[in-house]
Amino acid sequence: VLDRVPVQYSPGHAVAAEGDTVSPDGKYLVSLNKLAKDSYLSVGPSHPESMQLIDISGDKMKVIQSSPVDPEPHYGQMIKADKIKTVEVYPKENNNPDAVYNQKDARIVRKGNEVHVYGIAMRSKFIFDANAKRPDVIEVNEGDKVVIHLTNLDFDEDITHGFAINQYNLNMEIQPGQTNTIEFTANKPGTYPLYCTNFC
């Protein structure tokens, strides 16, 4: 044992930076602790537990960050930020039959008792049928199966849109450039608002 450092309170697991790779970083360790006991504000019978970042690069270990986490933190992974190559905007999928990349192509198609909506989400509106008097309205018959394909036309990083119908307990996200699909059976007669759950 080269050194010890107190943590709060009871380590269940630990993970070293890039410890699962062929070249561990050797500078940091995360202690995943149970029973944080008064470290954080009590929010109910199940208290926040803790995850603590420890600098192990010097002669003495030092806790440099402590964060509340959900109960029983089991695993973590830490890698250098320059190794993460994220998708910032979904690329156009020109072969995706559900994708719509131009407002004028937004349409509603009936196939028997199925209604397919090929729409777009953009700041700050939906367009479901470009040729309709009310392009932001979807009208269907009671009992129809409704399949809504929405493409996020905002190709700017971090412009996420949402789509929800509260009375049907429906909600989805559409990331920049992404086409996402949601479906339901229209078994409740009436008029229901549609709205974006990621407010612009």
N, C-alpha and C. Protein backbone atom coordinates (compact mmCIF):
# COMPACT_ATOMS: atom_id res chain seq x y z
N VAL A 1 0.86 -1.18 0.00
CA VAL A 1 0.00 0.00 0.00
C VAL A 1 0.89 1.23 0.00
N LEU A 2 0.74 2.09 -1.03
CA LEU A 2 1.57 3.28 -1.14
C LEU A 2 0.94 4.50 -0.48
N ASP A 3 -0.40 4.57 -0.49
CA ASP A 3 -1.05 5.74 0.09
C ASP A 3 -2.52 5.41 0.34
N ARG A 4 -3.14 6.19 1.21
CA ARG A 4 -4.57 6.08 1.48
C ARG A 4 -5.16 7.47 1.49
N VAL A 5 -6.46 7.56 1.13
CA VAL A 5 -7.15 8.83 1.21
C VAL A 5 -8.59 8.54 1.63
N PRO A 6 -9.16 9.30 2.57
CA PRO A 6 -10.54 9.03 2.98
C PRO A 6 -11.52 9.49 1.91
N VAL A 7 -12.57 8.67 1.70
CA VAL A 7 -13.65 9.02 0.79
C VAL A 7 -14.96 8.92 1.56
N GLN A 8 -16.03 9.36 0.96
CA GLN A 8 -17.31 9.43 1.64
C GLN A 8 -18.33 8.58 0.89
N TYR A 9 -18.68 7.32 1.31
CA TYR A 9 -18.30 6.77 2.58
C TYR A 9 -17.71 5.38 2.37
N SER A 10 -18.38 4.60 1.55
CA SER A 10 -17.99 3.20 1.45
C SER A 10 -17.81 2.79 -0.01
N PRO A 11 -16.56 2.71 -0.46
CA PRO A 11 -16.33 2.35 -1.87
C PRO A 11 -16.87 0.97 -2.19
N GLY A 12 -17.65 0.91 -3.26
CA GLY A 12 -18.13 -0.38 -3.75
C GLY A 12 -17.35 -0.79 -4.98
N HIS A 13 -16.96 0.21 -5.76
CA HIS A 13 -16.22 -0.04 -6.99
C HIS A 13 -15.24 1.11 -7.20
N ALA A 14 -14.25 0.88 -8.04
CA ALA A 14 -13.30 1.92 -8.42
C ALA A 14 -12.94 1.72 -9.88
N VAL A 15 -12.64 2.81 -10.54
CA VAL A 15 -12.22 2.72 -11.94
C VAL A 15 -11.09 3.71 -12.17
N ALA A 16 -10.05 3.25 -12.85
CA ALA A 16 -8.92 4.12 -13.18
C ALA A 16 -9.12 4.69 -14.58
N ALA A 17 -8.61 5.89 -14.80
CA ALA A 17 -8.72 6.52 -16.11
C ALA A 17 -8.07 5.63 -17.17
N GLU A 18 -8.85 5.26 -18.16
CA GLU A 18 -8.43 4.37 -19.25
C GLU A 18 -7.86 3.06 -18.72
N GLY A 19 -8.40 2.64 -17.57
CA GLY A 19 -7.91 1.41 -16.94
C GLY A 19 -8.23 0.15 -17.69
N ASP A 20 -9.23 0.20 -18.58
CA ASP A 20 -9.58 -0.98 -19.37
C ASP A 20 -8.85 -1.02 -20.71
N THR A 21 -7.90 -0.13 -20.90
CA THR A 21 -7.19 -0.08 -22.18
C THR A 21 -5.78 -0.65 -22.03
N VAL A 22 -5.08 -0.75 -23.15
CA VAL A 22 -3.70 -1.26 -23.10
C VAL A 22 -2.73 -0.19 -22.62
N SER A 23 -3.20 1.06 -22.48
CA SER A 23 -2.32 2.13 -21.98
C SER A 23 -3.05 2.97 -20.94
N PRO A 24 -3.21 2.45 -19.72
CA PRO A 24 -3.90 3.21 -18.67
C PRO A 24 -3.26 4.57 -18.46
N ASP A 25 -4.10 5.55 -18.13
CA ASP A 25 -3.64 6.93 -17.97
C ASP A 25 -2.74 7.11 -16.76
N GLY A 26 -3.11 6.49 -15.64
CA GLY A 26 -2.27 6.55 -14.45
C GLY A 26 -2.37 7.82 -13.64
N LYS A 27 -3.32 8.72 -14.00
CA LYS A 27 -3.39 10.00 -13.29
C LYS A 27 -4.62 10.13 -12.40
N TYR A 28 -5.67 9.43 -12.73
CA TYR A 28 -6.92 9.62 -11.99
C TYR A 28 -7.60 8.29 -11.66
N LEU A 29 -8.35 8.31 -10.58
CA LEU A 29 -9.14 7.17 -10.13
C LEU A 29 -10.50 7.72 -9.71
N VAL A 30 -11.56 6.97 -9.97
CA VAL A 30 -12.89 7.34 -9.50
C VAL A 30 -13.32 6.32 -8.46
N SER A 31 -13.67 6.80 -7.27
CA SER A 31 -14.21 5.94 -6.22
C SER A 31 -15.73 6.03 -6.28
N LEU A 32 -16.38 4.91 -6.50
CA LEU A 32 -17.84 4.85 -6.60
C LEU A 32 -18.36 4.35 -5.26
N ASN A 33 -18.96 5.26 -4.50
CA ASN A 33 -19.24 5.02 -3.08
C ASN A 33 -20.71 4.79 -2.79
N LYS A 34 -20.95 3.91 -1.83
CA LYS A 34 -22.29 3.70 -1.29
C LYS A 34 -22.41 4.48 0.02
N LEU A 35 -23.64 4.75 0.44
CA LEU A 35 -23.91 5.34 1.75
C LEU A 35 -23.14 6.64 1.98
N ALA A 36 -23.50 7.68 1.23
CA ALA A 36 -22.79 8.95 1.33
C ALA A 36 -23.06 9.66 2.66
N LYS A 37 -24.16 9.33 3.34
CA LYS A 37 -24.42 9.77 4.71
C LYS A 37 -24.18 11.25 4.97
N ASP A 38 -25.15 12.07 4.63
CA ASP A 38 -25.13 13.49 4.95
C ASP A 38 -24.15 14.32 4.11
N SER A 39 -23.57 13.74 3.07
CA SER A 39 -22.71 14.54 2.20
C SER A 39 -23.53 15.49 1.33
N TYR A 40 -24.77 15.07 1.02
CA TYR A 40 -25.61 15.85 0.12
C TYR A 40 -26.99 16.02 0.74
N LEU A 41 -27.74 16.96 0.23
CA LEU A 41 -29.09 17.22 0.70
C LEU A 41 -29.94 15.96 0.58
N SER A 42 -30.65 15.62 1.64
CA SER A 42 -31.53 14.46 1.62
C SER A 42 -32.73 14.75 0.72
N VAL A 43 -33.01 13.83 -0.17
CA VAL A 43 -34.14 14.00 -1.09
C VAL A 43 -35.20 12.92 -0.89
N GLY A 44 -35.09 12.17 0.19
CA GLY A 44 -36.08 11.13 0.45
C GLY A 44 -35.44 9.92 1.10
N PRO A 45 -36.17 8.83 1.18
CA PRO A 45 -35.64 7.63 1.85
C PRO A 45 -34.35 7.13 1.21
N SER A 46 -34.25 7.26 -0.10
CA SER A 46 -33.02 6.86 -0.78
C SER A 46 -32.17 8.10 -0.99
N HIS A 47 -31.07 8.22 -0.26
CA HIS A 47 -30.24 9.41 -0.32
C HIS A 47 -29.27 9.34 -1.50
N PRO A 48 -28.81 10.49 -1.97
CA PRO A 48 -27.78 10.46 -3.01
C PRO A 48 -26.52 9.78 -2.49
N GLU A 49 -25.88 9.04 -3.35
CA GLU A 49 -24.60 8.45 -3.00
C GLU A 49 -23.51 9.23 -3.70
N SER A 50 -22.27 8.77 -3.67
CA SER A 50 -21.23 9.66 -4.18
C SER A 50 -20.26 9.00 -5.15
N MET A 51 -19.74 9.85 -6.00
CA MET A 51 -18.70 9.47 -6.95
C MET A 51 -17.60 10.51 -6.76
N GLN A 52 -16.39 10.05 -6.43
CA GLN A 52 -15.32 10.99 -6.12
C GLN A 52 -14.11 10.77 -7.03
N LEU A 53 -13.63 11.87 -7.59
CA LEU A 53 -12.48 11.85 -8.48
C LEU A 53 -11.22 12.07 -7.66
N ILE A 54 -10.26 11.18 -7.82
CA ILE A 54 -9.03 11.23 -7.02
C ILE A 54 -7.83 11.38 -7.95
N ASP A 55 -7.01 12.37 -7.66
CA ASP A 55 -5.76 12.56 -8.40
C ASP A 55 -4.72 11.60 -7.81
N ILE A 56 -4.24 10.68 -8.62
CA ILE A 56 -3.25 9.70 -8.14
C ILE A 56 -1.88 9.91 -8.80
N SER A 57 -1.67 11.10 -9.37
CA SER A 57 -0.44 11.33 -10.15
C SER A 57 0.76 11.68 -9.28
N GLY A 58 0.53 12.17 -8.06
CA GLY A 58 1.65 12.59 -7.21
C GLY A 58 1.99 11.58 -6.14
N ASP A 59 2.81 12.01 -5.20
CA ASP A 59 3.21 11.15 -4.10
C ASP A 59 2.05 10.88 -3.14
N LYS A 60 1.14 11.86 -3.04
CA LYS A 60 -0.03 11.72 -2.16
C LYS A 60 -1.29 11.82 -3.00
N MET A 61 -2.22 10.89 -2.79
CA MET A 61 -3.50 10.96 -3.48
C MET A 61 -4.32 12.12 -2.92
N LYS A 62 -5.18 12.71 -3.79
CA LYS A 62 -5.98 13.84 -3.35
C LYS A 62 -7.36 13.78 -4.01
N VAL A 63 -8.43 13.87 -3.20
CA VAL A 63 -9.79 13.94 -3.73
C VAL A 63 -9.97 15.34 -4.31
N ILE A 64 -10.27 15.43 -5.61
CA ILE A 64 -10.38 16.74 -6.24
C ILE A 64 -11.81 17.08 -6.69
N GLN A 65 -12.72 16.10 -6.65
CA GLN A 65 -14.11 16.37 -7.03
C GLN A 65 -15.01 15.33 -6.38
N SER A 66 -16.18 15.78 -5.92
CA SER A 66 -17.17 14.87 -5.35
C SER A 66 -18.52 15.23 -5.93
N SER A 67 -19.24 14.22 -6.41
CA SER A 67 -20.53 14.46 -7.04
C SER A 67 -21.58 13.48 -6.52
N PRO A 68 -22.81 13.95 -6.32
CA PRO A 68 -23.88 13.03 -5.95
C PRO A 68 -24.29 12.19 -7.15
N VAL A 69 -24.64 10.94 -6.90
CA VAL A 69 -25.09 10.04 -7.97
C VAL A 69 -26.25 9.20 -7.45
N ASP A 70 -26.91 8.52 -8.38
CA ASP A 70 -27.98 7.61 -8.01
C ASP A 70 -27.42 6.48 -7.14
N PRO A 71 -28.30 5.83 -6.38
CA PRO A 71 -27.83 4.77 -5.48
C PRO A 71 -27.02 3.67 -6.16
N GLU A 72 -26.04 3.18 -5.42
CA GLU A 72 -25.21 2.03 -5.80
C GLU A 72 -24.51 2.24 -7.15
N PRO A 73 -23.62 3.24 -7.23
CA PRO A 73 -22.88 3.42 -8.49
C PRO A 73 -21.98 2.22 -8.73
N HIS A 74 -22.15 1.59 -9.87
CA HIS A 74 -21.45 0.33 -10.14
C HIS A 74 -20.27 0.44 -11.07
N TYR A 75 -20.33 1.33 -12.02
CA TYR A 75 -19.27 1.32 -13.01
C TYR A 75 -19.12 2.71 -13.62
N GLY A 76 -17.95 3.05 -14.02
CA GLY A 76 -17.68 4.29 -14.71
C GLY A 76 -16.58 4.05 -15.71
N GLN A 77 -16.43 4.97 -16.61
CA GLN A 77 -15.36 4.87 -17.59
C GLN A 77 -14.85 6.27 -17.85
N MET A 78 -13.56 6.43 -17.92
CA MET A 78 -12.97 7.73 -18.15
C MET A 78 -11.93 7.60 -19.26
N ILE A 79 -12.10 8.43 -20.31
CA ILE A 79 -11.12 8.45 -21.39
C ILE A 79 -10.80 9.90 -21.71
N LYS A 80 -9.72 10.13 -22.41
CA LYS A 80 -9.33 11.49 -22.79
C LYS A 80 -10.35 12.07 -23.78
N ALA A 81 -10.66 13.34 -23.60
CA ALA A 81 -11.69 14.00 -24.41
C ALA A 81 -11.35 13.98 -25.89
N ASP A 82 -10.07 14.05 -26.24
CA ASP A 82 -9.72 14.10 -27.66
C ASP A 82 -9.94 12.77 -28.38
N LYS A 83 -10.28 11.72 -27.62
CA LYS A 83 -10.59 10.43 -28.24
C LYS A 83 -12.06 10.30 -28.60
N ILE A 84 -12.88 11.23 -28.12
CA ILE A 84 -14.32 11.17 -28.38
C ILE A 84 -14.62 11.91 -29.67
N LYS A 85 -15.12 11.21 -30.64
CA LYS A 85 -15.49 11.80 -31.93
C LYS A 85 -17.00 11.65 -32.09
N THR A 86 -17.72 12.63 -31.57
CA THR A 86 -19.17 12.53 -31.55
C THR A 86 -19.79 12.92 -32.88
N VAL A 87 -21.02 12.44 -33.09
CA VAL A 87 -21.82 12.90 -34.21
C VAL A 87 -22.48 14.19 -33.75
N GLU A 88 -22.16 15.30 -34.39
CA GLU A 88 -22.72 16.59 -34.00
C GLU A 88 -24.04 16.86 -34.71
N VAL A 89 -24.13 16.43 -35.94
CA VAL A 89 -25.34 16.58 -36.75
C VAL A 89 -25.48 15.31 -37.56
N TYR A 90 -26.70 14.73 -37.60
CA TYR A 90 -26.91 13.54 -38.41
C TYR A 90 -26.74 13.89 -39.89
N PRO A 91 -26.03 13.07 -40.64
CA PRO A 91 -25.88 13.34 -42.08
C PRO A 91 -27.20 13.05 -42.80
N LYS A 92 -27.40 13.70 -43.92
CA LYS A 92 -28.60 13.43 -44.72
C LYS A 92 -28.59 11.97 -45.18
N GLU A 93 -29.76 11.36 -45.07
CA GLU A 93 -29.94 9.98 -45.53
C GLU A 93 -30.83 10.02 -46.76
N ASN A 94 -30.24 10.28 -47.90
CA ASN A 94 -31.03 10.45 -49.11
C ASN A 94 -31.77 9.18 -49.53
N ASN A 95 -31.34 8.03 -49.02
CA ASN A 95 -32.02 6.77 -49.35
C ASN A 95 -33.07 6.38 -48.31
N ASN A 96 -33.27 7.21 -47.29
CA ASN A 96 -34.26 6.91 -46.26
C ASN A 96 -35.64 7.37 -46.76
N PRO A 97 -36.56 6.43 -47.00
CA PRO A 97 -37.87 6.82 -47.54
C PRO A 97 -38.71 7.62 -46.56
N ASP A 98 -38.36 7.62 -45.29
CA ASP A 98 -39.13 8.36 -44.28
C ASP A 98 -38.62 9.79 -44.08
N ALA A 99 -37.45 10.10 -44.61
CA ALA A 99 -36.85 11.41 -44.39
C ALA A 99 -37.42 12.45 -45.36
N VAL A 100 -37.57 13.67 -44.86
CA VAL A 100 -38.03 14.80 -45.67
C VAL A 100 -37.06 15.94 -45.45
N TYR A 101 -36.42 16.41 -46.53
CA TYR A 101 -35.41 17.45 -46.39
C TYR A 101 -35.83 18.78 -47.02
N ASN A 102 -37.07 18.84 -47.52
CA ASN A 102 -37.58 20.07 -48.09
C ASN A 102 -39.02 20.26 -47.64
N GLN A 103 -39.37 21.47 -47.21
CA GLN A 103 -40.72 21.72 -46.72
C GLN A 103 -41.79 21.29 -47.72
N LYS A 104 -41.55 21.53 -48.99
CA LYS A 104 -42.58 21.23 -49.99
C LYS A 104 -42.85 19.73 -50.13
N ASP A 105 -41.96 18.90 -49.58
CA ASP A 105 -42.14 17.44 -49.67
C ASP A 105 -42.88 16.87 -48.45
N ALA A 106 -43.21 17.71 -47.48
CA ALA A 106 -43.97 17.24 -46.31
C ALA A 106 -45.36 16.82 -46.78
N ARG A 107 -45.81 15.65 -46.33
CA ARG A 107 -47.07 15.11 -46.84
C ARG A 107 -47.69 14.13 -45.86
N ILE A 108 -48.99 13.91 -46.03
CA ILE A 108 -49.72 12.91 -45.25
C ILE A 108 -50.29 11.91 -46.25
N VAL A 109 -49.99 10.63 -46.04
CA VAL A 109 -50.39 9.58 -46.98
C VAL A 109 -51.23 8.55 -46.25
N ARG A 110 -52.44 8.28 -46.80
CA ARG A 110 -53.31 7.24 -46.23
C ARG A 110 -53.07 5.93 -46.96
N LYS A 111 -52.89 4.85 -46.19
CA LYS A 111 -52.76 3.49 -46.73
C LYS A 111 -53.78 2.62 -46.02
N GLY A 112 -55.03 2.60 -46.52
CA GLY A 112 -56.11 1.89 -45.84
C GLY A 112 -56.42 2.60 -44.53
N ASN A 113 -56.33 1.85 -43.41
CA ASN A 113 -56.59 2.48 -42.11
C ASN A 113 -55.29 2.90 -41.41
N GLU A 114 -54.22 3.02 -42.19
CA GLU A 114 -52.96 3.57 -41.68
C GLU A 114 -52.71 4.94 -42.31
N VAL A 115 -52.29 5.88 -41.48
CA VAL A 115 -51.95 7.21 -41.96
C VAL A 115 -50.47 7.46 -41.67
N HIS A 116 -49.71 7.69 -42.72
CA HIS A 116 -48.29 7.97 -42.57
C HIS A 116 -48.05 9.46 -42.79
N VAL A 117 -47.43 10.09 -41.80
CA VAL A 117 -47.11 11.51 -41.86
C VAL A 117 -45.61 11.63 -42.10
N TYR A 118 -45.24 12.32 -43.18
CA TYR A 118 -43.84 12.57 -43.49
C TYR A 118 -43.61 14.07 -43.29
N GLY A 119 -43.21 14.44 -42.08
CA GLY A 119 -43.16 15.84 -41.73
C GLY A 119 -41.78 16.32 -41.35
N ILE A 120 -41.73 17.61 -41.06
CA ILE A 120 -40.47 18.21 -40.65
C ILE A 120 -40.66 18.97 -39.35
N ALA A 121 -39.60 19.02 -38.57
CA ALA A 121 -39.53 19.84 -37.37
C ALA A 121 -38.46 20.88 -37.63
N MET A 122 -38.79 22.13 -37.32
CA MET A 122 -37.83 23.21 -37.49
C MET A 122 -38.16 24.31 -36.51
N ARG A 123 -37.22 25.23 -36.29
CA ARG A 123 -37.52 26.34 -35.40
C ARG A 123 -38.52 27.25 -36.08
N SER A 124 -39.61 27.53 -35.51
CA SER A 124 -40.23 26.96 -34.34
C SER A 124 -41.60 26.40 -34.75
N LYS A 125 -41.60 25.41 -35.59
CA LYS A 125 -42.87 24.86 -36.08
C LYS A 125 -42.69 23.45 -36.63
N PHE A 126 -43.84 22.80 -36.79
CA PHE A 126 -43.92 21.53 -37.50
C PHE A 126 -44.64 21.79 -38.83
N ILE A 127 -44.24 21.07 -39.85
CA ILE A 127 -44.99 21.06 -41.10
C ILE A 127 -45.23 19.60 -41.44
N PHE A 128 -46.52 19.23 -41.49
CA PHE A 128 -46.89 17.85 -41.77
C PHE A 128 -47.37 17.67 -43.21
N ASP A 129 -48.02 18.69 -43.77
CA ASP A 129 -48.54 18.61 -45.14
C ASP A 129 -48.39 19.99 -45.77
N ALA A 130 -47.40 20.12 -46.65
CA ALA A 130 -47.09 21.42 -47.24
C ALA A 130 -48.22 21.96 -48.10
N ASN A 131 -49.09 21.09 -48.60
CA ASN A 131 -50.16 21.53 -49.50
C ASN A 131 -51.48 21.80 -48.79
N ALA A 132 -51.53 21.62 -47.50
CA ALA A 132 -52.78 21.81 -46.75
C ALA A 132 -52.92 23.27 -46.32
N LYS A 133 -54.20 23.67 -46.07
CA LYS A 133 -54.44 25.03 -45.57
C LYS A 133 -53.79 25.22 -44.21
N ARG A 134 -53.82 24.16 -43.40
CA ARG A 134 -53.18 24.18 -42.08
C ARG A 134 -52.08 23.12 -42.09
N PRO A 135 -50.88 23.47 -42.52
CA PRO A 135 -49.82 22.47 -42.67
C PRO A 135 -49.33 21.85 -41.37
N ASP A 136 -49.76 22.45 -40.23
CA ASP A 136 -49.32 21.93 -38.93
C ASP A 136 -50.40 21.09 -38.24
N VAL A 137 -51.41 20.66 -39.01
CA VAL A 137 -52.52 19.87 -38.46
C VAL A 137 -52.51 18.48 -39.09
N ILE A 138 -52.77 17.47 -38.25
CA ILE A 138 -52.93 16.09 -38.73
C ILE A 138 -54.36 15.67 -38.43
N GLU A 139 -55.13 15.34 -39.47
CA GLU A 139 -56.51 14.86 -39.27
C GLU A 139 -56.58 13.39 -39.67
N VAL A 140 -57.12 12.58 -38.77
CA VAL A 140 -57.27 11.15 -39.03
C VAL A 140 -58.64 10.70 -38.56
N ASN A 141 -59.00 9.47 -38.89
CA ASN A 141 -60.26 8.90 -38.45
C ASN A 141 -60.05 8.10 -37.16
N GLU A 142 -61.09 8.03 -36.36
CA GLU A 142 -61.01 7.22 -35.15
C GLU A 142 -60.68 5.78 -35.53
N GLY A 143 -59.71 5.22 -34.83
CA GLY A 143 -59.29 3.84 -35.09
C GLY A 143 -58.11 3.72 -36.04
N ASP A 144 -57.73 4.81 -36.71
CA ASP A 144 -56.58 4.75 -37.61
C ASP A 144 -55.29 4.49 -36.85
N LYS A 145 -54.41 3.74 -37.48
CA LYS A 145 -53.03 3.64 -36.99
C LYS A 145 -52.29 4.83 -37.59
N VAL A 146 -51.66 5.63 -36.74
CA VAL A 146 -50.97 6.84 -37.19
C VAL A 146 -49.47 6.65 -36.99
N VAL A 147 -48.72 6.82 -38.08
CA VAL A 147 -47.26 6.69 -38.05
C VAL A 147 -46.68 8.04 -38.47
N ILE A 148 -45.98 8.68 -37.55
CA ILE A 148 -45.43 10.00 -37.81
C ILE A 148 -43.92 9.90 -37.93
N HIS A 149 -43.43 10.27 -39.12
CA HIS A 149 -41.99 10.31 -39.40
C HIS A 149 -41.61 11.79 -39.42
N LEU A 150 -40.75 12.21 -38.52
CA LEU A 150 -40.34 13.62 -38.47
C LEU A 150 -38.84 13.75 -38.71
N THR A 151 -38.49 14.67 -39.58
CA THR A 151 -37.09 14.98 -39.84
C THR A 151 -36.78 16.35 -39.25
N ASN A 152 -35.72 16.44 -38.49
CA ASN A 152 -35.27 17.72 -37.94
C ASN A 152 -34.46 18.42 -39.03
N LEU A 153 -35.02 19.49 -39.58
CA LEU A 153 -34.35 20.21 -40.67
C LEU A 153 -33.30 21.20 -40.19
N ASP A 154 -33.14 21.34 -38.91
CA ASP A 154 -32.11 22.23 -38.39
C ASP A 154 -30.79 21.46 -38.34
N PHE A 155 -29.90 21.79 -39.25
CA PHE A 155 -28.62 21.10 -39.32
C PHE A 155 -27.54 21.85 -38.56
N ASP A 156 -27.96 22.56 -37.49
CA ASP A 156 -27.02 23.23 -36.61
C ASP A 156 -26.81 22.36 -35.39
N GLU A 157 -25.59 22.32 -34.90
CA GLU A 157 -25.28 21.53 -33.71
C GLU A 157 -26.16 21.95 -32.53
N ASP A 158 -26.70 20.97 -31.84
CA ASP A 158 -27.44 21.16 -30.60
C ASP A 158 -28.83 21.78 -30.77
N ILE A 159 -29.39 21.74 -31.97
CA ILE A 159 -30.77 22.21 -32.17
C ILE A 159 -31.67 20.98 -32.19
N THR A 160 -31.96 20.47 -31.00
CA THR A 160 -32.80 19.29 -30.85
C THR A 160 -34.26 19.71 -30.78
N HIS A 161 -35.12 18.96 -31.44
CA HIS A 161 -36.56 19.20 -31.34
C HIS A 161 -37.21 18.01 -30.66
N GLY A 162 -38.39 18.25 -30.10
CA GLY A 162 -39.18 17.20 -29.50
C GLY A 162 -40.54 17.16 -30.17
N PHE A 163 -41.27 16.09 -29.93
CA PHE A 163 -42.63 15.97 -30.45
C PHE A 163 -43.45 15.22 -29.42
N ALA A 164 -44.57 15.80 -29.00
CA ALA A 164 -45.37 15.16 -27.95
C ALA A 164 -46.86 15.35 -28.22
N ILE A 165 -47.62 14.33 -27.81
CA ILE A 165 -49.07 14.40 -27.71
C ILE A 165 -49.40 13.88 -26.32
N ASN A 166 -49.68 14.79 -25.40
CA ASN A 166 -49.85 14.41 -24.00
C ASN A 166 -50.92 13.36 -23.78
N GLN A 167 -52.08 13.54 -24.41
CA GLN A 167 -53.21 12.65 -24.15
C GLN A 167 -52.95 11.22 -24.62
N TYR A 168 -51.94 11.04 -25.45
CA TYR A 168 -51.56 9.69 -25.89
C TYR A 168 -50.25 9.22 -25.24
N ASN A 169 -49.76 10.03 -24.30
CA ASN A 169 -48.52 9.69 -23.59
C ASN A 169 -47.36 9.43 -24.56
N LEU A 170 -47.25 10.31 -25.57
CA LEU A 170 -46.22 10.17 -26.59
C LEU A 170 -45.22 11.30 -26.46
N ASN A 171 -43.96 10.97 -26.61
CA ASN A 171 -42.91 11.99 -26.60
C ASN A 171 -41.67 11.39 -27.25
N MET A 172 -41.06 12.14 -28.15
CA MET A 172 -39.79 11.70 -28.74
C MET A 172 -38.92 12.91 -29.01
N GLU A 173 -37.62 12.65 -29.14
CA GLU A 173 -36.67 13.68 -29.53
C GLU A 173 -36.21 13.42 -30.95
N ILE A 174 -35.91 14.51 -31.65
CA ILE A 174 -35.34 14.42 -33.00
C ILE A 174 -34.09 15.28 -33.00
N GLN A 175 -32.94 14.65 -33.12
CA GLN A 175 -31.66 15.37 -33.09
C GLN A 175 -31.43 16.08 -34.43
N PRO A 176 -30.50 17.03 -34.49
CA PRO A 176 -30.25 17.77 -35.73
C PRO A 176 -29.99 16.83 -36.92
N GLY A 177 -30.80 16.97 -37.96
CA GLY A 177 -30.65 16.15 -39.15
C GLY A 177 -31.27 14.76 -39.07
N GLN A 178 -31.72 14.35 -37.90
CA GLN A 178 -32.23 13.00 -37.69
C GLN A 178 -33.68 12.87 -38.16
N THR A 179 -34.04 11.67 -38.61
CA THR A 179 -35.44 11.32 -38.85
C THR A 179 -35.83 10.30 -37.80
N ASN A 180 -36.91 10.56 -37.07
CA ASN A 180 -37.37 9.67 -36.02
C ASN A 180 -38.85 9.38 -36.24
N THR A 181 -39.30 8.23 -35.77
CA THR A 181 -40.67 7.77 -36.01
C THR A 181 -41.37 7.43 -34.71
N ILE A 182 -42.65 7.78 -34.64
CA ILE A 182 -43.49 7.43 -33.50
C ILE A 182 -44.84 6.99 -34.05
N GLU A 183 -45.49 6.03 -33.39
CA GLU A 183 -46.79 5.57 -33.90
C GLU A 183 -47.75 5.30 -32.77
N PHE A 184 -49.03 5.41 -33.09
CA PHE A 184 -50.09 5.16 -32.10
C PHE A 184 -51.38 4.88 -32.84
N THR A 185 -52.39 4.39 -32.11
CA THR A 185 -53.72 4.20 -32.66
C THR A 185 -54.61 5.33 -32.17
N ALA A 186 -55.26 6.01 -33.11
CA ALA A 186 -56.11 7.16 -32.77
C ALA A 186 -57.45 6.66 -32.26
N ASN A 187 -57.50 6.22 -31.01
CA ASN A 187 -58.72 5.61 -30.46
C ASN A 187 -59.45 6.54 -29.49
N LYS A 188 -59.08 7.83 -29.49
CA LYS A 188 -59.74 8.81 -28.63
C LYS A 188 -60.23 9.96 -29.51
N PRO A 189 -61.52 10.00 -29.81
CA PRO A 189 -62.01 11.09 -30.66
C PRO A 189 -61.76 12.44 -29.99
N GLY A 190 -61.45 13.44 -30.79
CA GLY A 190 -61.25 14.77 -30.24
C GLY A 190 -60.13 15.51 -30.94
N THR A 191 -59.81 16.66 -30.41
CA THR A 191 -58.72 17.49 -30.92
C THR A 191 -57.64 17.56 -29.86
N TYR A 192 -56.41 17.25 -30.24
CA TYR A 192 -55.32 17.19 -29.28
C TYR A 192 -54.14 18.05 -29.74
N PRO A 193 -53.60 18.84 -28.84
CA PRO A 193 -52.45 19.66 -29.22
C PRO A 193 -51.20 18.83 -29.39
N LEU A 194 -50.37 19.25 -30.34
CA LEU A 194 -49.06 18.68 -30.57
C LEU A 194 -48.05 19.76 -30.17
N TYR A 195 -46.98 19.38 -29.54
CA TYR A 195 -46.02 20.43 -29.20
C TYR A 195 -44.60 19.88 -29.13
N CYS A 196 -43.67 20.81 -29.19
CA CYS A 196 -42.25 20.46 -29.10
C CYS A 196 -41.84 20.46 -27.64
N THR A 197 -41.21 19.38 -27.19
CA THR A 197 -40.80 19.27 -25.80
C THR A 197 -39.38 19.79 -25.55
N ASN A 198 -38.69 20.20 -26.61
CA ASN A 198 -37.40 20.87 -26.45
C ASN A 198 -37.58 22.30 -26.95
N PHE A 199 -37.91 23.18 -26.03
CA PHE A 199 -38.34 24.51 -26.43
C PHE A 199 -37.18 25.29 -27.07
N CYS A 200 -37.48 25.94 -28.20
CA CYS A 200 -36.46 26.71 -28.91
C CYS A 200 -36.24 28.05 -28.21
